[in-house]
Amino acid sequence: MFDIEFNADGQVEIRGRLDAANAENALLFLNQVAGQCVIDMGQLEYISSAGLGVLLRTHKRLMGEGSGIKLVRVSPHINDIFSYSGFDKLFEIEAMDPSG
């Protein structure tokens, strides 16, 4: 399962698995975003290298426009992936509140 949309707060919400099968759809959606992009990852179960590539391409595009990506509600598992890949140094990341 994969879904990406704007939530009620105007943030991009990603749910399910962001992997090679869903990377193109995610990139097409994120290409519509202009200005600072906040991505709610509270319901993201998995991210592959293809998913990381989508985030990196979007971040580079937005940085060229003077903004970037902020990731919020990042689970410990997904945060570990960002740490292992060095992406924790690229993005502003807010960990998920342990209470949910």
Protein backbone atom coordinates (compact mmCIF):
# COMPACT_ATOMS: atom_id res chain seq x y z
CA MET A 1 0.00 0.00 0.00
CA PHE A 2 1.13 3.55 -0.75
CA ASP A 3 -0.59 6.90 -0.61
CA ILE A 4 0.63 10.47 -0.81
CA GLU A 5 -1.56 13.55 -0.40
CA PHE A 6 -1.87 16.87 1.36
CA ASN A 7 -3.31 16.57 4.87
CA ALA A 8 -5.60 19.06 6.62
CA ASP A 9 -2.56 21.03 7.86
CA GLY A 10 -1.24 21.49 4.30
CA GLN A 11 1.61 19.06 4.89
CA VAL A 12 2.46 16.25 2.51
CA GLU A 13 1.46 12.97 4.14
CA ILE A 14 3.06 9.73 3.02
CA ARG A 15 1.56 6.39 4.06
CA GLY A 16 2.70 2.84 3.42
CA ARG A 17 5.81 1.87 1.51
CA LEU A 18 7.87 4.35 -0.50
CA ASP A 19 9.83 1.96 -2.68
CA ALA A 20 10.78 1.55 -6.34
CA ALA A 21 7.22 0.59 -7.27
CA ASN A 22 5.88 3.89 -5.88
CA ALA A 23 8.81 6.25 -6.45
CA GLU A 24 7.56 7.67 -9.76
CA ASN A 25 4.11 8.48 -8.35
CA ALA A 26 5.69 10.12 -5.30
CA LEU A 27 8.00 12.21 -7.47
CA LEU A 28 5.14 13.33 -9.71
CA PHE A 29 3.19 14.44 -6.63
CA LEU A 30 6.18 16.18 -5.00
CA ASN A 31 7.00 18.00 -8.25
CA GLN A 32 3.80 19.99 -7.64
CA VAL A 33 5.11 21.33 -4.33
CA ALA A 34 6.65 24.81 -4.24
CA GLY A 35 8.21 26.55 -1.26
CA GLN A 36 9.00 24.92 2.06
CA CYS A 37 7.76 21.32 2.07
CA VAL A 38 6.81 19.61 5.32
CA ILE A 39 6.37 15.85 4.97
CA ASP A 40 4.47 13.93 7.65
CA MET A 41 5.99 10.44 7.81
CA GLY A 42 3.97 9.19 10.77
CA GLN A 43 2.39 6.43 8.70
CA LEU A 44 5.39 5.59 6.50
CA GLU A 45 6.21 1.92 7.02
CA TYR A 46 9.24 1.56 4.76
CA ILE A 47 11.49 3.62 2.50
CA SER A 48 13.91 2.14 -0.05
CA SER A 49 16.86 3.71 -1.81
CA ALA A 50 14.45 4.68 -4.60
CA GLY A 51 12.31 6.51 -2.03
CA LEU A 52 15.38 8.24 -0.63
CA GLY A 53 16.21 9.31 -4.18
CA VAL A 54 12.76 10.90 -4.55
CA LEU A 55 13.28 12.90 -1.37
CA LEU A 56 16.78 13.94 -2.45
CA ARG A 57 15.64 15.10 -5.91
CA THR A 58 12.77 17.06 -4.41
CA HIS A 59 15.02 18.60 -1.75
CA LYS A 60 17.61 19.67 -4.34
CA ARG A 61 14.89 21.26 -6.50
CA LEU A 62 13.42 23.12 -3.55
CA MET A 63 16.86 24.21 -2.29
CA GLY A 64 17.40 25.78 -5.71
CA GLU A 65 14.25 27.80 -5.05
CA GLY A 66 15.46 28.86 -1.60
CA SER A 67 13.56 26.38 0.56
CA GLY A 68 13.73 22.63 1.22
CA ILE A 69 12.15 19.67 2.98
CA LYS A 70 11.35 19.18 6.65
CA LEU A 71 10.38 15.68 7.78
CA VAL A 72 8.04 15.34 10.76
CA ARG A 73 6.68 12.44 12.83
CA VAL A 74 9.56 10.22 11.69
CA SER A 75 9.46 6.79 13.35
CA PRO A 76 12.60 5.38 14.99
CA HIS A 77 12.93 2.75 12.23
CA ILE A 78 12.72 5.32 9.41
CA ASN A 79 15.00 7.67 11.35
CA ASP A 80 17.60 4.88 11.53
CA ILE A 81 17.49 4.58 7.73
CA PHE A 82 18.12 8.33 7.42
CA SER A 83 21.01 8.07 9.88
CA TYR A 84 22.63 5.07 8.16
CA SER A 85 22.38 6.74 4.75
CA GLY A 86 23.63 10.14 5.98
CA PHE A 87 20.35 11.78 4.97
CA ASP A 88 19.89 12.98 8.56
CA LYS A 89 22.48 15.63 7.67
CA LEU A 90 20.47 16.82 4.64
CA PHE A 91 16.99 17.23 6.10
CA GLU A 92 15.53 18.84 9.16
CA ILE A 93 13.98 15.86 10.98
CA GLU A 94 11.52 15.78 13.85
CA ALA A 95 11.16 12.36 15.47
CA MET A 96 7.75 10.92 16.19
CA ASP A 97 6.37 11.65 19.65
CA PRO A 98 6.67 8.31 21.53
CA SER A 99 3.04 8.66 22.65
CA GLY A 100 1.93 8.44 19.03
